[in-house]
Amino acid sequence: MQATFTLALKNTRNGKYHDFLYTVQLALDVLALERGSAIPADFQDRLNNGVGALPLQRDVKKGVIQLRQAGFRVGVPAMNPAPFMTGQLRHVELFNDIDVVLSADNIRQLKLGIRA
């Protein structure tokens, strides 16, 4: 993941934006090239599906419900594109409890605080 964050920082510093999923694929390609290996063509799709199917931490749903019952609106900050996050939230049955997904795509910058 360090390579992904390095690429995200360099792209942001250079005024370029690529979504997080693209940046992960680019980092994988760079690592494969450095190691003289190849990444299977379907790897990114399998990775996205795997990440999209990850379970919630045990206390997340309970915490979201407590916040909503206390009158708070609940948002999710995300480096992934909003449609990807929406799919994840639907998978973990949390989508209807979230008011807004705040994706890096909205501001077209993966790492805050670094401007070109």
PDB file of N, CA and C in Angstrom:
ATOM      1  N   MET A   1       0.820  -1.199   0.000  1.00  0.00           N
ATOM      2  CA  MET A   1       0.000   0.000   0.000  1.00  0.00           C
ATOM      3  C   MET A   1       0.862   1.261   0.000  1.00  0.00           C
ATOM      4  N   GLN A   2       2.103   1.160   0.470  1.00  0.00           N
ATOM      5  CA  GLN A   2       2.979   2.327   0.479  1.00  0.00           C
ATOM      6  C   GLN A   2       3.154   2.884  -0.925  1.00  0.00           C
ATOM      7  N   ALA A   3       3.312   1.994  -1.909  1.00  0.00           N
ATOM      8  CA  ALA A   3       3.464   2.454  -3.293  1.00  0.00           C
ATOM      9  C   ALA A   3       2.216   3.205  -3.749  1.00  0.00           C
ATOM     10  N   THR A   4       1.051   2.748  -3.348  1.00  0.00           N
ATOM     11  CA  THR A   4      -0.195   3.418  -3.725  1.00  0.00           C
ATOM     12  C   THR A   4      -0.247   4.822  -3.148  1.00  0.00           C
ATOM     13  N   PHE A   5       0.094   4.958  -1.866  1.00  0.00           N
ATOM     14  CA  PHE A   5       0.054   6.277  -1.244  1.00  0.00           C
ATOM     15  C   PHE A   5       1.104   7.198  -1.853  1.00  0.00           C
ATOM     16  N   THR A   6       2.281   6.663  -2.173  1.00  0.00           N
ATOM     17  CA  THR A   6       3.324   7.464  -2.807  1.00  0.00           C
ATOM     18  C   THR A   6       2.842   7.987  -4.153  1.00  0.00           C
ATOM     19  N   LEU A   7       2.228   7.118  -4.950  1.00  0.00           N
ATOM     20  CA  LEU A   7       1.687   7.555  -6.240  1.00  0.00           C
ATOM     21  C   LEU A   7       0.590   8.590  -6.057  1.00  0.00           C
ATOM     22  N   ALA A   8      -0.271   8.391  -5.087  1.00  0.00           N
ATOM     23  CA  ALA A   8      -1.352   9.353  -4.831  1.00  0.00           C
ATOM     24  C   ALA A   8      -0.768  10.712  -4.469  1.00  0.00           C
ATOM     25  N   LEU A   9       0.245  10.729  -3.623  1.00  0.00           N
ATOM     26  CA  LEU A   9       0.881  11.989  -3.230  1.00  0.00           C
ATOM     27  C   LEU A   9       1.555  12.664  -4.414  1.00  0.00           C
ATOM     28  N   LYS A  10       2.289  11.881  -5.220  1.00  0.00           N
ATOM     29  CA  LYS A  10       2.966  12.456  -6.388  1.00  0.00           C
ATOM     30  C   LYS A  10       1.961  13.015  -7.380  1.00  0.00           C
ATOM     31  N   ASN A  11       0.890  12.267  -7.635  1.00  0.00           N
ATOM     32  CA  ASN A  11      -0.128  12.752  -8.563  1.00  0.00           C
ATOM     33  C   ASN A  11      -0.767  14.032  -8.055  1.00  0.00           C
ATOM     34  N   THR A  12      -1.075  14.085  -6.783  1.00  0.00           N
ATOM     35  CA  THR A  12      -1.689  15.276  -6.201  1.00  0.00           C
ATOM     36  C   THR A  12      -0.729  16.454  -6.293  1.00  0.00           C
ATOM     37  N   ARG A  13       0.520  16.209  -5.950  1.00  0.00           N
ATOM     38  CA  ARG A  13       1.529  17.271  -5.999  1.00  0.00           C
ATOM     39  C   ARG A  13       1.682  17.813  -7.421  1.00  0.00           C
ATOM     40  N   ASN A  14       1.538  16.937  -8.417  1.00  0.00           N
ATOM     41  CA  ASN A  14       1.685  17.336  -9.818  1.00  0.00           C
ATOM     42  C   ASN A  14       0.376  17.804 -10.449  1.00  0.00           C
ATOM     43  N   GLY A  15      -0.664  17.926  -9.631  1.00  0.00           N
ATOM     44  CA  GLY A  15      -1.934  18.432 -10.126  1.00  0.00           C
ATOM     45  C   GLY A  15      -2.733  17.432 -10.937  1.00  0.00           C
ATOM     46  N   LYS A  16      -2.418  16.155 -10.806  1.00  0.00           N
ATOM     47  CA  LYS A  16      -3.136  15.107 -11.532  1.00  0.00           C
ATOM     48  C   LYS A  16      -4.033  14.358 -10.553  1.00  0.00           C
ATOM     49  N   TYR A  17      -5.153  13.879 -11.062  1.00  0.00           N
ATOM     50  CA  TYR A  17      -6.028  13.072 -10.217  1.00  0.00           C
ATOM     51  C   TYR A  17      -6.372  11.780 -10.924  1.00  0.00           C
ATOM     52  N   HIS A  18      -6.218  10.703 -10.207  1.00  0.00           N
ATOM     53  CA  HIS A  18      -6.699   9.386 -10.632  1.00  0.00           C
ATOM     54  C   HIS A  18      -7.399   8.799  -9.419  1.00  0.00           C
ATOM     55  N   ASP A  19      -8.533   8.142  -9.634  1.00  0.00           N
ATOM     56  CA  ASP A  19      -9.240   7.596  -8.477  1.00  0.00           C
ATOM     57  C   ASP A  19      -8.401   6.509  -7.803  1.00  0.00           C
ATOM     58  N   PHE A  20      -8.783   6.182  -6.594  1.00  0.00           N
ATOM     59  CA  PHE A  20      -7.982   5.279  -5.772  1.00  0.00           C
ATOM     60  C   PHE A  20      -7.846   3.895  -6.398  1.00  0.00           C
ATOM     61  N   LEU A  21      -8.908   3.395  -7.010  1.00  0.00           N
ATOM     62  CA  LEU A  21      -8.840   2.074  -7.618  1.00  0.00           C
ATOM     63  C   LEU A  21      -7.836   2.063  -8.772  1.00  0.00           C
ATOM     64  N   TYR A  22      -7.807   3.127  -9.562  1.00  0.00           N
ATOM     65  CA  TYR A  22      -6.835   3.245 -10.648  1.00  0.00           C
ATOM     66  C   TYR A  22      -5.424   3.334 -10.073  1.00  0.00           C
ATOM     67  N   THR A  23      -5.270   4.115  -9.010  1.00  0.00           N
ATOM     68  CA  THR A  23      -3.957   4.287  -8.390  1.00  0.00           C
ATOM     69  C   THR A  23      -3.439   2.974  -7.822  1.00  0.00           C
ATOM     70  N   VAL A  24      -4.325   2.163  -7.235  1.00  0.00           N
ATOM     71  CA  VAL A  24      -3.926   0.837  -6.742  1.00  0.00           C
ATOM     72  C   VAL A  24      -3.439  -0.022  -7.903  1.00  0.00           C
ATOM     73  N   GLN A  25      -4.175  -0.014  -9.017  1.00  0.00           N
ATOM     74  CA  GLN A  25      -3.763  -0.797 -10.183  1.00  0.00           C
ATOM     75  C   GLN A  25      -2.409  -0.321 -10.697  1.00  0.00           C
ATOM     76  N   LEU A  26      -2.202   0.976 -10.752  1.00  0.00           N
ATOM     77  CA  LEU A  26      -0.932   1.525 -11.208  1.00  0.00           C
ATOM     78  C   LEU A  26       0.207   1.098 -10.285  1.00  0.00           C
ATOM     79  N   ALA A  27      -0.020   1.149  -8.985  1.00  0.00           N
ATOM     80  CA  ALA A  27       0.997   0.720  -8.021  1.00  0.00           C
ATOM     81  C   ALA A  27       1.318  -0.760  -8.195  1.00  0.00           C
ATOM     82  N   LEU A  28       0.305  -1.576  -8.416  1.00  0.00           N
ATOM     83  CA  LEU A  28       0.533  -3.005  -8.656  1.00  0.00           C
ATOM     84  C   LEU A  28       1.353  -3.227  -9.921  1.00  0.00           C
ATOM     85  N   ASP A  29       1.045  -2.467 -10.964  1.00  0.00           N
ATOM     86  CA  ASP A  29       1.790  -2.589 -12.214  1.00  0.00           C
ATOM     87  C   ASP A  29       3.263  -2.216 -12.013  1.00  0.00           C
ATOM     88  N   VAL A  30       3.516  -1.134 -11.258  1.00  0.00           N
ATOM     89  CA  VAL A  30       4.886  -0.704 -10.987  1.00  0.00           C
ATOM     90  C   VAL A  30       5.633  -1.774 -10.187  1.00  0.00           C
ATOM     91  N   LEU A  31       4.992  -2.308  -9.159  1.00  0.00           N
ATOM     92  CA  LEU A  31       5.636  -3.356  -8.351  1.00  0.00           C
ATOM     93  C   LEU A  31       5.920  -4.605  -9.176  1.00  0.00           C
ATOM     94  N   ALA A  32       4.983  -4.989 -10.027  1.00  0.00           N
ATOM     95  CA  ALA A  32       5.198  -6.165 -10.876  1.00  0.00           C
ATOM     96  C   ALA A  32       6.359  -5.932 -11.825  1.00  0.00           C
ATOM     97  N   LEU A  33       6.438  -4.747 -12.399  1.00  0.00           N
ATOM     98  CA  LEU A  33       7.532  -4.421 -13.302  1.00  0.00           C
ATOM     99  C   LEU A  33       8.870  -4.468 -12.577  1.00  0.00           C
ATOM    100  N   GLU A  34       8.920  -3.878 -11.372  1.00  0.00           N
ATOM    101  CA  GLU A  34      10.151  -3.887 -10.571  1.00  0.00           C
ATOM    102  C   GLU A  34      10.594  -5.301 -10.223  1.00  0.00           C
ATOM    103  N   ARG A  35       9.633  -6.204 -10.034  1.00  0.00           N
ATOM    104  CA  ARG A  35       9.942  -7.578  -9.620  1.00  0.00           C
ATOM    105  C   ARG A  35       9.988  -8.553 -10.790  1.00  0.00           C
ATOM    106  N   GLY A  36       9.771  -8.040 -11.985  1.00  0.00           N
ATOM    107  CA  GLY A  36       9.832  -8.894 -13.163  1.00  0.00           C
ATOM    108  C   GLY A  36       8.729  -9.937 -13.220  1.00  0.00           C
ATOM    109  N   SER A  37       7.571  -9.602 -12.693  1.00  0.00           N
ATOM    110  CA  SER A  37       6.455 -10.542 -12.711  1.00  0.00           C
ATOM    111  C   SER A  37       5.257  -9.896 -13.411  1.00  0.00           C
ATOM    112  N   ALA A  38       4.250 -10.674 -13.612  1.00  0.00           N
ATOM    113  CA  ALA A  38       3.050 -10.178 -14.280  1.00  0.00           C
ATOM    114  C   ALA A  38       1.848 -10.311 -13.356  1.00  0.00           C
ATOM    115  N   ILE A  39       0.950  -9.380 -13.481  1.00  0.00           N
ATOM    116  CA  ILE A  39      -0.297  -9.418 -12.713  1.00  0.00           C
ATOM    117  C   ILE A  39      -1.374  -9.962 -13.640  1.00  0.00           C
ATOM    118  N   PRO A  40      -2.119 -10.968 -13.191  1.00  0.00           N
ATOM    119  CA  PRO A  40      -3.191 -11.511 -14.039  1.00  0.00           C
ATOM    120  C   PRO A  40      -4.179 -10.415 -14.454  1.00  0.00           C
ATOM    121  N   ALA A  41      -4.697 -10.507 -15.655  1.00  0.00           N
ATOM    122  CA  ALA A  41      -5.596  -9.488 -16.202  1.00  0.00           C
ATOM    123  C   ALA A  41      -6.822  -9.253 -15.325  1.00  0.00           C
ATOM    124  N   ASP A  42      -7.300 -10.280 -14.651  1.00  0.00           N
ATOM    125  CA  ASP A  42      -8.512 -10.139 -13.842  1.00  0.00           C
ATOM    126  C   ASP A  42      -8.225  -9.793 -12.382  1.00  0.00           C
ATOM    127  N   PHE A  43      -6.964  -9.537 -12.057  1.00  0.00           N
ATOM    128  CA  PHE A  43      -6.602  -9.325 -10.658  1.00  0.00           C
ATOM    129  C   PHE A  43      -7.307  -8.117 -10.054  1.00  0.00           C
ATOM    130  N   GLN A  44      -7.342  -6.980 -10.775  1.00  0.00           N
ATOM    131  CA  GLN A  44      -7.965  -5.779 -10.222  1.00  0.00           C
ATOM    132  C   GLN A  44      -9.440  -6.023  -9.921  1.00  0.00           C
ATOM    133  N   ASP A  45     -10.138  -6.712 -10.824  1.00  0.00           N
ATOM    134  CA  ASP A  45     -11.552  -7.019 -10.564  1.00  0.00           C
ATOM    135  C   ASP A  45     -11.698  -7.910  -9.339  1.00  0.00           C
ATOM    136  N   ARG A  46     -10.827  -8.913  -9.209  1.00  0.00           N
ATOM    137  CA  ARG A  46     -10.894  -9.791  -8.031  1.00  0.00           C
ATOM    138  C   ARG A  46     -10.582  -9.020  -6.759  1.00  0.00           C
ATOM    139  N   LEU A  47      -9.601  -8.109  -6.836  1.00  0.00           N
ATOM    140  CA  LEU A  47      -9.255  -7.289  -5.676  1.00  0.00           C
ATOM    141  C   LEU A  47     -10.422  -6.387  -5.290  1.00  0.00           C
ATOM    142  N   ASN A  48     -11.014  -5.713  -6.283  1.00  0.00           N
ATOM    143  CA  ASN A  48     -12.160  -4.835  -6.007  1.00  0.00           C
ATOM    144  C   ASN A  48     -13.316  -5.621  -5.393  1.00  0.00           C
ATOM    145  N   ASN A  49     -13.595  -6.797  -5.939  1.00  0.00           N
ATOM    146  CA  ASN A  49     -14.673  -7.634  -5.396  1.00  0.00           C
ATOM    147  C   ASN A  49     -14.365  -8.074  -3.974  1.00  0.00           C
ATOM    148  N   GLY A  50     -13.104  -8.411  -3.722  1.00  0.00           N
ATOM    149  CA  GLY A  50     -12.713  -8.823  -2.373  1.00  0.00           C
ATOM    150  C   GLY A  50     -12.843  -7.690  -1.369  1.00  0.00           C
ATOM    151  N   VAL A  51     -12.355  -6.522  -1.745  1.00  0.00           N
ATOM    152  CA  VAL A  51     -12.457  -5.360  -0.855  1.00  0.00           C
ATOM    153  C   VAL A  51     -13.922  -4.981  -0.649  1.00  0.00           C
ATOM    154  N   GLY A  52     -14.697  -5.035  -1.723  1.00  0.00           N
ATOM    155  CA  GLY A  52     -16.114  -4.693  -1.620  1.00  0.00           C
ATOM    156  C   GLY A  52     -16.910  -5.645  -0.759  1.00  0.00           C
ATOM    157  N   ALA A  53     -16.374  -6.830  -0.520  1.00  0.00           N
ATOM    158  CA  ALA A  53     -17.076  -7.839   0.272  1.00  0.00           C
ATOM    159  C   ALA A  53     -16.553  -7.948   1.708  1.00  0.00           C
ATOM    160  N   LEU A  54     -15.638  -7.055   2.089  1.00  0.00           N
ATOM    161  CA  LEU A  54     -15.109  -7.117   3.454  1.00  0.00           C
ATOM    162  C   LEU A  54     -16.214  -6.829   4.466  1.00  0.00           C
ATOM    163  N   PRO A  55     -16.184  -7.499   5.603  1.00  0.00           N
ATOM    164  CA  PRO A  55     -17.193  -7.235   6.642  1.00  0.00           C
ATOM    165  C   PRO A  55     -16.864  -5.960   7.416  1.00  0.00           C
ATOM    166  N   LEU A  56     -17.856  -5.451   8.107  1.00  0.00           N
ATOM    167  CA  LEU A  56     -17.654  -4.309   9.001  1.00  0.00           C
ATOM    168  C   LEU A  56     -16.928  -4.737  10.269  1.00  0.00           C
ATOM    169  N   GLN A  57     -16.245  -3.793  10.885  1.00  0.00           N
ATOM    170  CA  GLN A  57     -15.778  -4.021  12.246  1.00  0.00           C
ATOM    171  C   GLN A  57     -17.023  -4.164  13.118  1.00  0.00           C
ATOM    172  N   ARG A  58     -16.941  -4.944  14.160  1.00  0.00           N
ATOM    173  CA  ARG A  58     -18.121  -5.276  14.962  1.00  0.00           C
ATOM    174  C   ARG A  58     -18.902  -4.088  15.488  1.00  0.00           C
ATOM    175  N   ASP A  59     -18.227  -3.011  15.861  1.00  0.00           N
ATOM    176  CA  ASP A  59     -18.919  -1.903  16.522  1.00  0.00           C
ATOM    177  C   ASP A  59     -19.400  -0.809  15.576  1.00  0.00           C
ATOM    178  N   VAL A  60     -19.153  -0.922  14.277  1.00  0.00           N
ATOM    179  CA  VAL A  60     -19.499   0.157  13.348  1.00  0.00           C
ATOM    180  C   VAL A  60     -21.008   0.347  13.241  1.00  0.00           C
ATOM    181  N   LYS A  61     -21.738  -0.700  12.954  1.00  0.00           N
ATOM    182  CA  LYS A  61     -23.194  -0.589  12.785  1.00  0.00           C
ATOM    183  C   LYS A  61     -23.828  -0.015  14.057  1.00  0.00           C
ATOM    184  N   LYS A  62     -23.421  -0.536  15.201  1.00  0.00           N
ATOM    185  CA  LYS A  62     -23.948  -0.056  16.478  1.00  0.00           C
ATOM    186  C   LYS A  62     -23.644   1.436  16.664  1.00  0.00           C
ATOM    187  N   GLY A  63     -22.426   1.847  16.330  1.00  0.00           N
ATOM    188  CA  GLY A  63     -22.049   3.252  16.472  1.00  0.00           C
ATOM    189  C   GLY A  63     -22.843   4.161  15.552  1.00  0.00           C
ATOM    190  N   VAL A  64     -23.046   3.723  14.314  1.00  0.00           N
ATOM    191  CA  VAL A  64     -23.828   4.511  13.362  1.00  0.00           C
ATOM    192  C   VAL A  64     -25.265   4.662  13.859  1.00  0.00           C
ATOM    193  N   ILE A  65     -25.843   3.590  14.327  1.00  0.00           N
ATOM    194  CA  ILE A  65     -27.219   3.637  14.840  1.00  0.00           C
ATOM    195  C   ILE A  65     -27.311   4.565  16.055  1.00  0.00           C
ATOM    196  N   GLN A  66     -26.335   4.492  16.961  1.00  0.00           N
ATOM    197  CA  GLN A  66     -26.339   5.374  18.132  1.00  0.00           C
ATOM    198  C   GLN A  66     -26.243   6.842  17.718  1.00  0.00           C
ATOM    199  N   LEU A  67     -25.402   7.137  16.740  1.00  0.00           N
ATOM    200  CA  LEU A  67     -25.276   8.515  16.268  1.00  0.00           C
ATOM    201  C   LEU A  67     -26.593   9.004  15.668  1.00  0.00           C
ATOM    202  N   ARG A  68     -27.223   8.173  14.854  1.00  0.00           N
ATOM    203  CA  ARG A  68     -28.494   8.559  14.233  1.00  0.00           C
ATOM    204  C   ARG A  68     -29.580   8.749  15.290  1.00  0.00           C
ATOM    205  N   GLN A  69     -29.626   7.864  16.275  1.00  0.00           N
ATOM    206  CA  GLN A  69     -30.627   7.989  17.344  1.00  0.00           C
ATOM    207  C   GLN A  69     -30.403   9.258  18.166  1.00  0.00           C
ATOM    208  N   ALA A  70     -29.161   9.716  18.231  1.00  0.00           N
ATOM    209  CA  ALA A  70     -28.851  10.944  18.965  1.00  0.00           C
ATOM    210  C   ALA A  70     -29.099  12.192  18.105  1.00  0.00           C
ATOM    211  N   GLY A  71     -29.549  11.981  16.862  1.00  0.00           N
ATOM    212  CA  GLY A  71     -29.908  13.103  16.011  1.00  0.00           C
ATOM    213  C   GLY A  71     -28.824  13.568  15.050  1.00  0.00           C
ATOM    214  N   PHE A  72     -27.724  12.848  14.987  1.00  0.00           N
ATOM    215  CA  PHE A  72     -26.647  13.242  14.083  1.00  0.00           C
ATOM    216  C   PHE A  72     -26.869  12.684  12.687  1.00  0.00           C
ATOM    217  N   ARG A  73     -26.418  13.431  11.696  1.00  0.00           N
ATOM    218  CA  ARG A  73     -26.337  12.906  10.341  1.00  0.00           C
ATOM    219  C   ARG A  73     -25.008  12.169  10.251  1.00  0.00           C
ATOM    220  N   VAL A  74     -24.961  11.107   9.462  1.00  0.00           N
ATOM    221  CA  VAL A  74     -23.759  10.281   9.388  1.00  0.00           C
ATOM    222  C   VAL A  74     -23.236  10.269   7.952  1.00  0.00           C
ATOM    223  N   GLY A  75     -21.968  10.604   7.818  1.00  0.00           N
ATOM    224  CA  GLY A  75     -21.308  10.573   6.518  1.00  0.00           C
ATOM    225  C   GLY A  75     -20.117   9.641   6.560  1.00  0.00           C
ATOM    226  N   VAL A  76     -19.728   9.177   5.388  1.00  0.00           N
ATOM    227  CA  VAL A  76     -18.583   8.277   5.268  1.00  0.00           C
ATOM    228  C   VAL A  76     -17.544   8.936   4.378  1.00  0.00           C
ATOM    229  N   PRO A  77     -16.343   9.235   4.915  1.00  0.00           N
ATOM    230  CA  PRO A  77     -15.269   9.720   4.052  1.00  0.00           C
ATOM    231  C   PRO A  77     -14.629   8.521   3.346  1.00  0.00           C
ATOM    232  N   ALA A  78     -14.288   8.689   2.069  1.00  0.00           N
ATOM    233  CA  ALA A  78     -13.766   7.550   1.320  1.00  0.00           C
ATOM    234  C   ALA A  78     -12.761   7.990   0.267  1.00  0.00           C
ATOM    235  N   MET A  79     -11.707   7.210   0.134  1.00  0.00           N
ATOM    236  CA  MET A  79     -10.776   7.441  -0.963  1.00  0.00           C
ATOM    237  C   MET A  79     -11.273   6.754  -2.231  1.00  0.00           C
ATOM    238  N   ASN A  80     -12.102   5.740  -2.088  1.00  0.00           N
ATOM    239  CA  ASN A  80     -12.642   5.040  -3.252  1.00  0.00           C
ATOM    240  C   ASN A  80     -13.746   5.873  -3.896  1.00  0.00           C
ATOM    241  N   PRO A  81     -14.018   5.637  -5.185  1.00  0.00           N
ATOM    242  CA  PRO A  81     -15.128   6.333  -5.839  1.00  0.00           C
ATOM    243  C   PRO A  81     -16.456   6.056  -5.128  1.00  0.00           C
ATOM    244  N   ALA A  82     -17.355   7.038  -5.150  1.00  0.00           N
ATOM    245  CA  ALA A  82     -18.641   6.908  -4.464  1.00  0.00           C
ATOM    246  C   ALA A  82     -19.426   5.661  -4.879  1.00  0.00           C
ATOM    247  N   PRO A  83     -19.491   5.305  -6.178  1.00  0.00           N
ATOM    248  CA  PRO A  83     -20.244   4.085  -6.534  1.00  0.00           C
ATOM    249  C   PRO A  83     -19.660   2.819  -5.891  1.00  0.00           C
ATOM    250  N   PHE A  84     -18.342   2.770  -5.775  1.00  0.00           N
ATOM    251  CA  PHE A  84     -17.706   1.621  -5.122  1.00  0.00           C
ATOM    252  C   PHE A  84     -18.104   1.586  -3.648  1.00  0.00           C
ATOM    253  N   MET A  85     -18.049   2.749  -2.990  1.00  0.00           N
ATOM    254  CA  MET A  85     -18.410   2.823  -1.571  1.00  0.00           C
ATOM    255  C   MET A  85     -19.879   2.497  -1.361  1.00  0.00           C
ATOM    256  N   THR A  86     -20.724   2.951  -2.267  1.00  0.00           N
ATOM    257  CA  THR A  86     -22.144   2.645  -2.174  1.00  0.00           C
ATOM    258  C   THR A  86     -22.350   1.135  -2.202  1.00  0.00           C
ATOM    259  N   GLY A  87     -21.637   0.454  -3.094  1.00  0.00           N
ATOM    260  CA  GLY A  87     -21.715  -1.011  -3.157  1.00  0.00           C
ATOM    261  C   GLY A  87     -21.257  -1.659  -1.869  1.00  0.00           C
ATOM    262  N   GLN A  88     -20.153  -1.157  -1.304  1.00  0.00           N
ATOM    263  CA  GLN A  88     -19.667  -1.698  -0.032  1.00  0.00           C
ATOM    264  C   GLN A  88     -20.701  -1.493   1.063  1.00  0.00           C
ATOM    265  N   LEU A  89     -21.275  -0.304   1.132  1.00  0.00           N
ATOM    266  CA  LEU A  89     -22.261  -0.011   2.174  1.00  0.00           C
ATOM    267  C   LEU A  89     -23.514  -0.870   2.022  1.00  0.00           C
ATOM    268  N   ARG A  90     -23.911  -1.125   0.791  1.00  0.00           N
ATOM    269  CA  ARG A  90     -25.053  -2.019   0.564  1.00  0.00           C
ATOM    270  C   ARG A  90     -24.708  -3.434   1.019  1.00  0.00           C
ATOM    271  N   HIS A  91     -23.482  -3.878   0.709  1.00  0.00           N
ATOM    272  CA  HIS A  91     -23.051  -5.225   1.078  1.00  0.00           C
ATOM    273  C   HIS A  91     -23.113  -5.441   2.586  1.00  0.00           C
ATOM    274  N   VAL A  92     -22.702  -4.441   3.355  1.00  0.00           N
ATOM    275  CA  VAL A  92     -22.681  -4.591   4.819  1.00  0.00           C
ATOM    276  C   VAL A  92     -23.982  -4.102   5.459  1.00  0.00           C
ATOM    277  N   GLU A  93     -24.976  -3.844   4.606  1.00  0.00           N
ATOM    278  CA  GLU A  93     -26.306  -3.425   5.066  1.00  0.00           C
ATOM    279  C   GLU A  93     -26.263  -2.170   5.931  1.00  0.00           C
ATOM    280  N   LEU A  94     -25.471  -1.199   5.470  1.00  0.00           N
ATOM    281  CA  LEU A  94     -25.350   0.057   6.191  1.00  0.00           C
ATOM    282  C   LEU A  94     -25.780   1.243   5.319  1.00  0.00           C
ATOM    283  N   PHE A  95     -26.030   0.989   4.046  1.00  0.00           N
ATOM    284  CA  PHE A  95     -26.336   2.061   3.098  1.00  0.00           C
ATOM    285  C   PHE A  95     -27.496   2.941   3.554  1.00  0.00           C
ATOM    286  N   ASN A  96     -28.570   2.358   4.024  1.00  0.00           N
ATOM    287  CA  ASN A  96     -29.753   3.129   4.423  1.00  0.00           C
ATOM    288  C   ASN A  96     -29.542   3.926   5.705  1.00  0.00           C
ATOM    289  N   ASP A  97     -28.455   3.666   6.417  1.00  0.00           N
ATOM    290  CA  ASP A  97     -28.165   4.389   7.655  1.00  0.00           C
ATOM    291  C   ASP A  97     -27.171   5.530   7.450  1.00  0.00           C
ATOM    292  N   ILE A  98     -26.692   5.703   6.223  1.00  0.00           N
ATOM    293  CA  ILE A  98     -25.687   6.719   5.915  1.00  0.00           C
ATOM    294  C   ILE A  98     -26.338   7.849   5.133  1.00  0.00           C
ATOM    295  N   ASP A  99     -26.059   9.079   5.527  1.00  0.00           N
ATOM    296  CA  ASP A  99     -26.649  10.237   4.855  1.00  0.00           C
ATOM    297  C   ASP A  99     -25.865  10.654   3.620  1.00  0.00           C
ATOM    298  N   VAL A 100     -24.555  10.513   3.668  1.00  0.00           N
ATOM    299  CA  VAL A 100     -23.744  10.987   2.542  1.00  0.00           C
ATOM    300  C   VAL A 100     -22.413  10.226   2.502  1.00  0.00           C
ATOM    301  N   VAL A 101     -21.955   9.959   1.287  1.00  0.00           N
ATOM    302  CA  VAL A 101     -20.617   9.408   1.067  1.00  0.00           C
ATOM    303  C   VAL A 101     -19.768  10.547   0.524  1.00  0.00           C
ATOM    304  N   LEU A 102     -18.716  10.881   1.235  1.00  0.00           N
ATOM    305  CA  LEU A 102     -17.820  11.967   0.845  1.00  0.00           C
ATOM    306  C   LEU A 102     -16.584  11.345   0.194  1.00  0.00           C
ATOM    307  N   SER A 103     -16.629  11.233  -1.117  1.00  0.00           N
ATOM    308  CA  SER A 103     -15.567  10.560  -1.858  1.00  0.00           C
ATOM    309  C   SER A 103     -14.486  11.545  -2.285  1.00  0.00           C
ATOM    310  N   ALA A 104     -13.264  11.044  -2.347  1.00  0.00           N
ATOM    311  CA  ALA A 104     -12.155  11.844  -2.883  1.00  0.00           C
ATOM    312  C   ALA A 104     -12.454  12.286  -4.305  1.00  0.00           C
ATOM    313  N   ASP A 105     -13.301  11.540  -5.001  1.00  0.00           N
ATOM    314  CA  ASP A 105     -13.682  11.923  -6.362  1.00  0.00           C
ATOM    315  C   ASP A 105     -14.373  13.287  -6.389  1.00  0.00           C
ATOM    316  N   ASN A 106     -15.069  13.627  -5.313  1.00  0.00           N
ATOM    317  CA  ASN A 106     -15.781  14.901  -5.272  1.00  0.00           C
ATOM    318  C   ASN A 106     -14.817  16.084  -5.354  1.00  0.00           C
ATOM    319  N   ILE A 107     -13.668  15.948  -4.711  1.00  0.00           N
ATOM    320  CA  ILE A 107     -12.687  17.038  -4.730  1.00  0.00           C
ATOM    321  C   ILE A 107     -11.516  16.728  -5.659  1.00  0.00           C
ATOM    322  N   ARG A 108     -11.544  15.535  -6.270  1.00  0.00           N
ATOM    323  CA  ARG A 108     -10.530  15.087  -7.221  1.00  0.00           C
ATOM    324  C   ARG A 108      -9.121  15.210  -6.643  1.00  0.00           C
ATOM    325  N   GLN A 109      -8.989  14.727  -5.404  1.00  0.00           N
ATOM    326  CA  GLN A 109      -7.705  14.743  -4.721  1.00  0.00           C
ATOM    327  C   GLN A 109      -7.702  13.642  -3.680  1.00  0.00           C
ATOM    328  N   LEU A 110      -6.700  12.751  -3.744  1.00  0.00           N
ATOM    329  CA  LEU A 110      -6.655  11.642  -2.796  1.00  0.00           C
ATOM    330  C   LEU A 110      -6.093  12.016  -1.445  1.00  0.00           C
ATOM    331  N   LYS A 111      -5.145  12.887  -1.426  1.00  0.00           N
ATOM    332  CA  LYS A 111      -4.517  13.264  -0.157  1.00  0.00           C
ATOM    333  C   LYS A 111      -4.734  14.744   0.074  1.00  0.00           C
ATOM    334  N   LEU A 112      -5.401  15.071   1.170  1.00  0.00           N
ATOM    335  CA  LEU A 112      -5.676  16.461   1.498  1.00  0.00           C
ATOM    336  C   LEU A 112      -4.433  17.156   2.004  1.00  0.00           C
ATOM    337  N   GLY A 113      -4.398  18.452   1.860  1.00  0.00           N
ATOM    338  CA  GLY A 113      -3.301  19.241   2.404  1.00  0.00           C
ATOM    339  C   GLY A 113      -2.148  19.424   1.430  1.00  0.00           C
ATOM    340  N   ILE A 114      -2.215  18.770   0.293  1.00  0.00           N
ATOM    341  CA  ILE A 114      -1.153  18.934  -0.706  1.00  0.00           C
ATOM    342  C   ILE A 114      -1.806  19.480  -1.960  1.00  0.00           C
ATOM    343  N   ARG A 115      -1.426  20.649  -2.312  1.00  0.00           N
ATOM    344  CA  ARG A 115      -1.995  21.289  -3.499  1.00  0.00           C
ATOM    345  C   ARG A 115      -0.897  21.480  -4.528  1.00  0.00           C
ATOM    346  N   ALA A 116      -1.298  21.362  -5.776  1.00  0.00           N
ATOM    347  CA  ALA A 116      -0.324  21.561  -6.871  1.00  0.00           C
ATOM    348  C   ALA A 116       0.041  23.017  -6.980  1.00  0.00           C
TER     349      ALA A 116
END
